[in-house]
Structure formats: C-alpha cells, structure tokens
C-alpha cells in the first residue's frame, strides 16, 4: 500500500474504532509513517480474495483491543501461505535449455500467486471419472487393452513370475488362483504362494514366494468360481 491507501485504511479503521483516531497533526503524521513502514508490501486488495479492510473488520469482530499493523500483516501472511500451498507449478513456456528464463518464469508465477494477482495452478488429473476421461487416453487404453502395453508386460514377466503365471491362467480361461486363500501355505488373497526352507533342526530358515501357486489353490479357486456361477443361475432365471 502507498501512503494514500494507508490513509484510507486508517480512516476506515477510525470509523470502526474511534480510539484509533489521531486528532493531533503530528501524531497523525507519525501514525501514517509507522503504518506505511510496516504495511508497505501489503496490498490494499487483490483480485482474488484479499482485502485489508476485511482483515481490520475481522479483528474488531473477535478482539476488544485496538488494531495494530501486525493484526493486518498476520492475515496477509496466512493468505500468502495458503495460496502457495494450493499452487502446483505449471510447466513454463520458456525454453527448458534456457535455465535463467525457465527459473524466472517459475518464480514470477509463484510471486503472482502469492501476491493474489493470479490464481493458483492446480495439478492436472489424467482422468476424473468415466465421464471426464481424456479421449486420447481412452483411445490409447482401447488400443492396448491395459495401462501396461503388451511389450512392457512381456518384458516385466521374468521379474514378476507370480504375476505372469496369474495373468497366463486368466488368459487361458482358468480361475484366478490368487483370488482365494491358499490352504497349504496359508498365503492370503492376492499374495503369491510361499515356499518354506527347513533347516537341519526342522526349523524354518526362510520363506520365499513361489513363481506358481500350489495345485490345491487352483482347485479351490475353481470350486469357488463354480459355486459363484451356480449362485448366479437362479438370479438370471
């Protein structure tokens, strides 16, 4: 705020609290200089929600004491922090190879958001539900059938054999063995079967995941799928 805006703010505060009015010319001049020194970097108002007069009015709604410059600075600093906390840096339009221009644009955007002259940038969502899915993303998913392309899935298969075996079983029309709990190794639903290594004293030395589920788990999954299908038949009839 410049001195003229400070004077307007003090006049507004005087209407709310006559105790703050300085009738002596010297005291009024000193009060104006003090407030200008402390609030020189605080705007009177911004296009996006900040108004120093609102901060002053809120002070008198919650406190019986005379207002001080800090009672306006604190809400302003809180306003800045809240806006920066909501801000997600957008990709600058500057050339990425020009580090100075790239950094300057980022800093300029953050300063504008903190000063209330620009709205915070929000992180773009890939999708926002089935109705708001990006058409290009939907077309890509329809093309490859999965968020992981087949080539990438095949390349990852050696590094996650349990997952690969599960996907192979489902692709062959077999029931998903990991959809049930293994009664042999007690592996819970969704986790691969485990192999126990027994030491010389019959103690368990280590437990490692198996690449393929135990055969009994396939049978149990098949039984569960059969029961589910039988339960659905009366409902469909």
C-alpha atoms as a PDB file:
ATOM      1  CA  UNK A   1       0.000   0.000   0.000  1.00  0.00           C
ATOM      2  CA  UNK A   2       1.165   3.530  -0.676  1.00  0.00           C
ATOM      3  CA  UNK A   3       0.626   6.390   1.765  1.00  0.00           C
ATOM      4  CA  UNK A   4      -2.704   7.322   0.214  1.00  0.00           C
ATOM      5  CA  UNK A   5      -4.033   3.777   0.638  1.00  0.00           C
ATOM      6  CA  UNK A   6      -2.688   3.655   4.206  1.00  0.00           C
ATOM      7  CA  UNK A   7      -4.554   6.891   4.963  1.00  0.00           C
ATOM      8  CA  UNK A   8      -7.759   5.397   3.521  1.00  0.00           C
ATOM      9  CA  UNK A   9      -7.288   2.248   5.633  1.00  0.00           C
ATOM     10  CA  UNK A  10      -6.737   4.306   8.807  1.00  0.00           C
ATOM     11  CA  UNK A  11      -9.843   6.341   8.034  1.00  0.00           C
ATOM     12  CA  UNK A  12     -11.848   3.130   7.680  1.00  0.00           C
ATOM     13  CA  UNK A  13     -10.406   1.814  10.963  1.00  0.00           C
ATOM     14  CA  UNK A  14     -11.330   5.115  12.619  1.00  0.00           C
ATOM     15  CA  UNK A  15     -14.958   4.536  11.701  1.00  0.00           C
ATOM     16  CA  UNK A  16     -14.807   1.103  13.334  1.00  0.00           C
ATOM     17  CA  UNK A  17     -12.898   2.234  16.412  1.00  0.00           C
ATOM     18  CA  UNK A  18     -12.770   5.990  17.235  1.00  0.00           C
ATOM     19  CA  UNK A  19      -9.993   5.262  19.737  1.00  0.00           C
ATOM     20  CA  UNK A  20      -7.574   4.898  16.832  1.00  0.00           C
ATOM     21  CA  UNK A  21      -8.226   8.423  15.506  1.00  0.00           C
ATOM     22  CA  UNK A  22      -5.332  10.850  15.989  1.00  0.00           C
ATOM     23  CA  UNK A  23      -6.542  14.461  16.245  1.00  0.00           C
ATOM     24  CA  UNK A  24      -3.087  15.950  16.650  1.00  0.00           C
ATOM     25  CA  UNK A  25      -1.463  16.611  13.274  1.00  0.00           C
ATOM     26  CA  UNK A  26       1.949  15.368  14.413  1.00  0.00           C
ATOM     27  CA  UNK A  27       0.562  12.165  15.892  1.00  0.00           C
ATOM     28  CA  UNK A  28      -1.475  11.528  12.755  1.00  0.00           C
ATOM     29  CA  UNK A  29       1.651  12.012  10.643  1.00  0.00           C
ATOM     30  CA  UNK A  30       3.648   9.629  12.832  1.00  0.00           C
ATOM     31  CA  UNK A  31       0.859   7.037  12.751  1.00  0.00           C
ATOM     32  CA  UNK A  32       0.710   7.229   8.957  1.00  0.00           C
ATOM     33  CA  UNK A  33       4.508   6.850   8.686  1.00  0.00           C
ATOM     34  CA  UNK A  34       4.523   3.879  11.059  1.00  0.00           C
ATOM     35  CA  UNK A  35       1.763   2.013   9.250  1.00  0.00           C
ATOM     36  CA  UNK A  36       3.302   2.739   5.872  1.00  0.00           C
ATOM     37  CA  UNK A  37       6.657   1.401   7.055  1.00  0.00           C
ATOM     38  CA  UNK A  38       5.082  -1.853   8.262  1.00  0.00           C
ATOM     39  CA  UNK A  39       2.424  -2.351   5.585  1.00  0.00           C
ATOM     40  CA  UNK A  40       4.231  -1.016   2.546  1.00  0.00           C
ATOM     41  CA  UNK A  41       4.453  -4.506   0.995  1.00  0.00           C
ATOM     42  CA  UNK A  42       0.865  -5.483   1.873  1.00  0.00           C
ATOM     43  CA  UNK A  43      -1.704  -4.645  -0.820  1.00  0.00           C
ATOM     44  CA  UNK A  44      -4.960  -2.926  -0.009  1.00  0.00           C
ATOM     45  CA  UNK A  45      -6.885  -5.527  -2.050  1.00  0.00           C
ATOM     46  CA  UNK A  46      -6.244  -8.192  -4.690  1.00  0.00           C
ATOM     47  CA  UNK A  47      -8.474  -9.637  -7.411  1.00  0.00           C
ATOM     48  CA  UNK A  48      -8.577 -12.999  -5.610  1.00  0.00           C
ATOM     49  CA  UNK A  49      -9.912 -12.668  -2.111  1.00  0.00           C
ATOM     50  CA  UNK A  50      -7.635 -10.384  -0.091  1.00  0.00           C
ATOM     51  CA  UNK A  51      -8.809  -7.068   1.350  1.00  0.00           C
ATOM     52  CA  UNK A  52      -7.030  -5.246   4.194  1.00  0.00           C
ATOM     53  CA  UNK A  53     -10.333  -3.682   5.285  1.00  0.00           C
ATOM     54  CA  UNK A  54     -11.828  -7.151   5.736  1.00  0.00           C
ATOM     55  CA  UNK A  55      -8.844  -8.088   7.917  1.00  0.00           C
ATOM     56  CA  UNK A  56      -9.370  -4.982  10.035  1.00  0.00           C
ATOM     57  CA  UNK A  57     -13.090  -5.636  10.381  1.00  0.00           C
ATOM     58  CA  UNK A  58     -12.433  -9.255  11.350  1.00  0.00           C
ATOM     59  CA  UNK A  59     -10.022  -8.081  14.056  1.00  0.00           C
ATOM     60  CA  UNK A  60     -12.673  -5.941  15.710  1.00  0.00           C
ATOM     61  CA  UNK A  61     -15.219  -8.733  15.452  1.00  0.00           C
ATOM     62  CA  UNK A  62     -13.012 -11.049  17.524  1.00  0.00           C
ATOM     63  CA  UNK A  63     -10.909  -8.737  19.706  1.00  0.00           C
ATOM     64  CA  UNK A  64     -11.702  -5.807  22.047  1.00  0.00           C
ATOM     65  CA  UNK A  65      -8.211  -4.324  21.624  1.00  0.00           C
ATOM     66  CA  UNK A  66      -7.114  -1.558  19.292  1.00  0.00           C
ATOM     67  CA  UNK A  67      -5.779  -2.806  15.998  1.00  0.00           C
ATOM     68  CA  UNK A  68      -2.048  -2.824  15.300  1.00  0.00           C
ATOM     69  CA  UNK A  69      -0.220  -3.198  11.961  1.00  0.00           C
ATOM     70  CA  UNK A  70       0.624  -6.804  12.923  1.00  0.00           C
ATOM     71  CA  UNK A  71      -3.098  -7.565  13.016  1.00  0.00           C
ATOM     72  CA  UNK A  72      -3.203  -6.893   9.285  1.00  0.00           C
ATOM     73  CA  UNK A  73       0.171  -8.457   8.433  1.00  0.00           C
ATOM     74  CA  UNK A  74      -0.661 -11.804  10.058  1.00  0.00           C
ATOM     75  CA  UNK A  75      -3.781 -12.445   7.925  1.00  0.00           C
ATOM     76  CA  UNK A  76      -1.849 -11.348   4.845  1.00  0.00           C
ATOM     77  CA  UNK A  77       0.982 -13.822   5.517  1.00  0.00           C
ATOM     78  CA  UNK A  78      -1.562 -16.567   6.150  1.00  0.00           C
ATOM     79  CA  UNK A  79      -3.283 -15.697   2.884  1.00  0.00           C
ATOM     80  CA  UNK A  80       0.044 -15.987   1.017  1.00  0.00           C
ATOM     81  CA  UNK A  81       0.930 -19.334   2.619  1.00  0.00           C
ATOM     82  CA  UNK A  82      -2.469 -20.820   1.859  1.00  0.00           C
ATOM     83  CA  UNK A  83      -2.320 -19.827  -1.784  1.00  0.00           C
ATOM     84  CA  UNK A  84       1.195 -21.197  -2.256  1.00  0.00           C
ATOM     85  CA  UNK A  85       0.150 -24.437  -0.552  1.00  0.00           C
ATOM     86  CA  UNK A  86      -2.582 -24.833  -3.193  1.00  0.00           C
ATOM     87  CA  UNK A  87      -0.295 -23.942  -6.088  1.00  0.00           C
ATOM     88  CA  UNK A  88       1.104 -26.550  -8.466  1.00  0.00           C
ATOM     89  CA  UNK A  89       3.841 -25.186 -10.695  1.00  0.00           C
ATOM     90  CA  UNK A  90       2.714 -25.358 -14.323  1.00  0.00           C
ATOM     91  CA  UNK A  91       5.273 -26.172 -16.992  1.00  0.00           C
ATOM     92  CA  UNK A  92       6.884 -22.886 -18.056  1.00  0.00           C
ATOM     93  CA  UNK A  93       6.560 -21.836 -21.661  1.00  0.00           C
ATOM     94  CA  UNK A  94      10.227 -20.825 -21.748  1.00  0.00           C
ATOM     95  CA  UNK A  95      12.867 -22.937 -23.461  1.00  0.00           C
ATOM     96  CA  UNK A  96      13.975 -25.655 -20.985  1.00  0.00           C
ATOM     97  CA  UNK A  97      17.549 -25.211 -22.163  1.00  0.00           C
ATOM     98  CA  UNK A  98      17.426 -21.581 -21.044  1.00  0.00           C
ATOM     99  CA  UNK A  99      17.758 -22.173 -17.307  1.00  0.00           C
ATOM    100  CA  UNK A 100      17.568 -18.484 -16.396  1.00  0.00           C
ATOM    101  CA  UNK A 101      14.332 -17.900 -18.329  1.00  0.00           C
ATOM    102  CA  UNK A 102      12.835 -21.155 -17.052  1.00  0.00           C
ATOM    103  CA  UNK A 103      13.587 -20.259 -13.429  1.00  0.00           C
ATOM    104  CA  UNK A 104      12.446 -16.669 -13.858  1.00  0.00           C
ATOM    105  CA  UNK A 105       9.061 -17.785 -15.190  1.00  0.00           C
ATOM    106  CA  UNK A 106       8.572 -20.224 -12.303  1.00  0.00           C
ATOM    107  CA  UNK A 107       9.499 -17.586  -9.730  1.00  0.00           C
ATOM    108  CA  UNK A 108       7.326 -14.972 -11.417  1.00  0.00           C
ATOM    109  CA  UNK A 109       4.316 -17.291 -11.399  1.00  0.00           C
ATOM    110  CA  UNK A 110       4.781 -18.115  -7.719  1.00  0.00           C
ATOM    111  CA  UNK A 111       5.099 -14.441  -6.808  1.00  0.00           C
ATOM    112  CA  UNK A 112       1.939 -13.592  -8.714  1.00  0.00           C
ATOM    113  CA  UNK A 113       0.048 -16.368  -6.934  1.00  0.00           C
ATOM    114  CA  UNK A 114       1.372 -15.301  -3.528  1.00  0.00           C
ATOM    115  CA  UNK A 115       0.541 -11.660  -4.232  1.00  0.00           C
ATOM    116  CA  UNK A 116      -3.036 -12.552  -5.145  1.00  0.00           C
ATOM    117  CA  UNK A 117      -2.813 -11.298  -8.720  1.00  0.00           C
ATOM    118  CA  UNK A 118      -3.058 -14.801 -10.226  1.00  0.00           C
ATOM    119  CA  UNK A 119      -4.964 -17.919  -9.285  1.00  0.00           C
ATOM    120  CA  UNK A 120      -3.032 -20.977  -8.053  1.00  0.00           C
ATOM    121  CA  UNK A 121      -2.266 -23.581 -10.685  1.00  0.00           C
ATOM    122  CA  UNK A 122      -3.713 -26.989  -9.936  1.00  0.00           C
ATOM    123  CA  UNK A 123      -2.241 -30.366 -10.845  1.00  0.00           C
ATOM    124  CA  UNK A 124      -3.994 -31.703 -13.949  1.00  0.00           C
ATOM    125  CA  UNK A 125      -5.720 -35.031 -13.420  1.00  0.00           C
ATOM    126  CA  UNK A 126      -5.333 -37.773 -16.012  1.00  0.00           C
ATOM    127  CA  UNK A 127      -8.953 -38.739 -15.549  1.00  0.00           C
ATOM    128  CA  UNK A 128     -11.817 -37.509 -13.438  1.00  0.00           C
ATOM    129  CA  UNK A 129     -14.150 -40.466 -13.657  1.00  0.00           C
ATOM    130  CA  UNK A 130     -15.560 -42.314 -16.620  1.00  0.00           C
ATOM    131  CA  UNK A 131     -17.434 -39.266 -17.898  1.00  0.00           C
ATOM    132  CA  UNK A 132     -14.441 -36.957 -17.820  1.00  0.00           C
ATOM    133  CA  UNK A 133     -11.754 -39.307 -19.154  1.00  0.00           C
ATOM    134  CA  UNK A 134      -9.413 -37.815 -21.689  1.00  0.00           C
ATOM    135  CA  UNK A 135     -10.484 -39.011 -25.186  1.00  0.00           C
ATOM    136  CA  UNK A 136      -6.876 -39.553 -26.273  1.00  0.00           C
ATOM    137  CA  UNK A 137      -6.192 -41.606 -23.146  1.00  0.00           C
ATOM    138  CA  UNK A 138      -9.364 -43.645 -23.672  1.00  0.00           C
ATOM    139  CA  UNK A 139      -8.388 -44.339 -27.279  1.00  0.00           C
ATOM    140  CA  UNK A 140      -4.949 -45.475 -26.156  1.00  0.00           C
ATOM    141  CA  UNK A 141      -6.420 -47.770 -23.481  1.00  0.00           C
ATOM    142  CA  UNK A 142      -8.833 -49.236 -26.034  1.00  0.00           C
ATOM    143  CA  UNK A 143      -5.912 -49.889 -28.373  1.00  0.00           C
ATOM    144  CA  UNK A 144      -3.626 -51.670 -25.919  1.00  0.00           C
ATOM    145  CA  UNK A 145      -6.323 -53.058 -23.602  1.00  0.00           C
ATOM    146  CA  UNK A 146      -4.399 -52.134 -20.470  1.00  0.00           C
ATOM    147  CA  UNK A 147      -2.457 -49.309 -18.890  1.00  0.00           C
ATOM    148  CA  UNK A 148       0.650 -51.510 -19.362  1.00  0.00           C
ATOM    149  CA  UNK A 149       1.434 -52.173 -23.063  1.00  0.00           C
ATOM    150  CA  UNK A 150       1.836 -55.851 -24.014  1.00  0.00           C
ATOM    151  CA  UNK A 151       5.502 -55.388 -24.859  1.00  0.00           C
ATOM    152  CA  UNK A 152       6.209 -53.875 -21.446  1.00  0.00           C
ATOM    153  CA  UNK A 153       4.198 -56.625 -19.738  1.00  0.00           C
ATOM    154  CA  UNK A 154       6.233 -59.301 -21.525  1.00  0.00           C
ATOM    155  CA  UNK A 155       9.488 -57.589 -20.582  1.00  0.00           C
ATOM    156  CA  UNK A 156       8.436 -57.480 -16.929  1.00  0.00           C
ATOM    157  CA  UNK A 157       7.309 -61.122 -16.809  1.00  0.00           C
ATOM    158  CA  UNK A 158      10.736 -62.582 -15.818  1.00  0.00           C
ATOM    159  CA  UNK A 159      10.928 -60.162 -12.892  1.00  0.00           C
ATOM    160  CA  UNK A 160       7.454 -60.966 -11.515  1.00  0.00           C
ATOM    161  CA  UNK A 161       6.821 -64.623 -12.290  1.00  0.00           C
ATOM    162  CA  UNK A 162       3.900 -64.961  -9.867  1.00  0.00           C
ATOM    163  CA  UNK A 163       2.038 -62.142 -11.596  1.00  0.00           C
ATOM    164  CA  UNK A 164       2.872 -63.587 -15.024  1.00  0.00           C
ATOM    165  CA  UNK A 165       1.539 -67.030 -14.022  1.00  0.00           C
ATOM    166  CA  UNK A 166      -1.637 -65.459 -12.700  1.00  0.00           C
ATOM    167  CA  UNK A 167      -2.218 -63.497 -15.904  1.00  0.00           C
ATOM    168  CA  UNK A 168      -1.498 -66.602 -18.013  1.00  0.00           C
ATOM    169  CA  UNK A 169      -4.078 -68.622 -16.092  1.00  0.00           C
ATOM    170  CA  UNK A 170      -6.731 -65.932 -16.522  1.00  0.00           C
ATOM    171  CA  UNK A 171      -5.884 -65.622 -20.241  1.00  0.00           C
ATOM    172  CA  UNK A 172      -6.494 -69.383 -20.646  1.00  0.00           C
ATOM    173  CA  UNK A 173      -9.916 -69.091 -19.040  1.00  0.00           C
ATOM    174  CA  UNK A 174      -8.834 -70.691 -15.788  1.00  0.00           C
ATOM    175  CA  UNK A 175      -9.940 -69.284 -12.428  1.00  0.00           C
ATOM    176  CA  UNK A 176      -7.636 -66.794 -10.757  1.00  0.00           C
ATOM    177  CA  UNK A 177      -5.739 -68.816  -8.092  1.00  0.00           C
ATOM    178  CA  UNK A 178      -4.830 -65.699  -6.111  1.00  0.00           C
ATOM    179  CA  UNK A 179      -8.496 -64.869  -5.602  1.00  0.00           C
ATOM    180  CA  UNK A 180      -8.635 -67.395  -2.745  1.00  0.00           C
ATOM    181  CA  UNK A 181      -6.509 -68.144   0.305  1.00  0.00           C
ATOM    182  CA  UNK A 182      -4.053 -70.992  -0.100  1.00  0.00           C
ATOM    183  CA  UNK A 183      -4.838 -73.759   2.361  1.00  0.00           C
ATOM    184  CA  UNK A 184      -1.332 -75.247   2.012  1.00  0.00           C
ATOM    185  CA  UNK A 185       0.973 -72.319   2.730  1.00  0.00           C
ATOM    186  CA  UNK A 186      -1.730 -70.003   4.158  1.00  0.00           C
ATOM    187  CA  UNK A 187      -0.900 -67.232   1.673  1.00  0.00           C
ATOM    188  CA  UNK A 188      -3.675 -64.609   1.881  1.00  0.00           C
ATOM    189  CA  UNK A 189      -5.824 -63.487  -1.049  1.00  0.00           C
ATOM    190  CA  UNK A 190      -3.864 -61.523  -3.621  1.00  0.00           C
ATOM    191  CA  UNK A 191      -0.422 -62.722  -2.487  1.00  0.00           C
ATOM    192  CA  UNK A 192       1.641 -65.483  -4.131  1.00  0.00           C
ATOM    193  CA  UNK A 193       2.138 -68.850  -2.535  1.00  0.00           C
ATOM    194  CA  UNK A 194       5.191 -69.302  -0.335  1.00  0.00           C
ATOM    195  CA  UNK A 195       7.917 -71.895  -0.131  1.00  0.00           C
ATOM    196  CA  UNK A 196       9.397 -72.764   3.242  1.00  0.00           C
ATOM    197  CA  UNK A 197      13.024 -73.779   3.627  1.00  0.00           C
ATOM    198  CA  UNK A 198      13.582 -76.148   6.539  1.00  0.00           C
ATOM    199  CA  UNK A 199      16.896 -76.277   8.378  1.00  0.00           C
ATOM    200  CA  UNK A 200      18.706 -79.319   9.817  1.00  0.00           C
ATOM    201  CA  UNK A 201      16.878 -78.919  13.144  1.00  0.00           C
ATOM    202  CA  UNK A 202      13.466 -78.871  11.407  1.00  0.00           C
ATOM    203  CA  UNK A 203      13.182 -75.133  11.901  1.00  0.00           C
ATOM    204  CA  UNK A 204      12.017 -72.765   9.181  1.00  0.00           C
ATOM    205  CA  UNK A 205      15.063 -70.947   7.830  1.00  0.00           C
ATOM    206  CA  UNK A 206      13.390 -68.792   5.188  1.00  0.00           C
ATOM    207  CA  UNK A 207      10.107 -68.219   3.375  1.00  0.00           C
ATOM    208  CA  UNK A 208      10.286 -67.274  -0.311  1.00  0.00           C
ATOM    209  CA  UNK A 209       7.456 -66.616  -2.785  1.00  0.00           C
ATOM    210  CA  UNK A 210       6.683 -69.298  -5.364  1.00  0.00           C
ATOM    211  CA  UNK A 211       6.531 -68.500  -9.051  1.00  0.00           C
ATOM    212  CA  UNK A 212       3.431 -70.687  -9.412  1.00  0.00           C
ATOM    213  CA  UNK A 213       0.584 -71.248  -6.933  1.00  0.00           C
ATOM    214  CA  UNK A 214       0.143 -74.584  -5.201  1.00  0.00           C
ATOM    215  CA  UNK A 215      -2.072 -77.012  -7.167  1.00  0.00           C
ATOM    216  CA  UNK A 216      -4.646 -77.089  -4.385  1.00  0.00           C
ATOM    217  CA  UNK A 217      -5.104 -73.349  -4.750  1.00  0.00           C
ATOM    218  CA  UNK A 218      -6.135 -73.798  -8.394  1.00  0.00           C
ATOM    219  CA  UNK A 219      -8.693 -76.405  -7.319  1.00  0.00           C
ATOM    220  CA  UNK A 220     -10.065 -74.175  -4.574  1.00  0.00           C
ATOM    221  CA  UNK A 221     -10.332 -71.228  -6.956  1.00  0.00           C
ATOM    222  CA  UNK A 222     -12.170 -73.434  -9.464  1.00  0.00           C
ATOM    223  CA  UNK A 223     -14.610 -74.602  -6.803  1.00  0.00           C
ATOM    224  CA  UNK A 224     -15.295 -71.047  -5.719  1.00  0.00           C
ATOM    225  CA  UNK A 225     -15.865 -69.919  -9.307  1.00  0.00           C
ATOM    226  CA  UNK A 226     -18.243 -72.847  -9.836  1.00  0.00           C
ATOM    227  CA  UNK A 227     -20.221 -72.014  -6.695  1.00  0.00           C
ATOM    228  CA  UNK A 228     -20.419 -68.370  -7.740  1.00  0.00           C
ATOM    229  CA  UNK A 229     -21.715 -69.360 -11.166  1.00  0.00           C
ATOM    230  CA  UNK A 230     -24.313 -71.695  -9.668  1.00  0.00           C
ATOM    231  CA  UNK A 231     -25.477 -68.962  -7.303  1.00  0.00           C
ATOM    232  CA  UNK A 232     -25.948 -66.608 -10.253  1.00  0.00           C
ATOM    233  CA  UNK A 233     -28.064 -69.040 -12.280  1.00  0.00           C
ATOM    234  CA  UNK A 234     -31.286 -68.653 -10.236  1.00  0.00           C
ATOM    235  CA  UNK A 235     -30.935 -64.896 -10.290  1.00  0.00           C
ATOM    236  CA  UNK A 236     -30.554 -64.860 -14.066  1.00  0.00           C
ATOM    237  CA  UNK A 237     -33.507 -67.241 -14.453  1.00  0.00           C
END
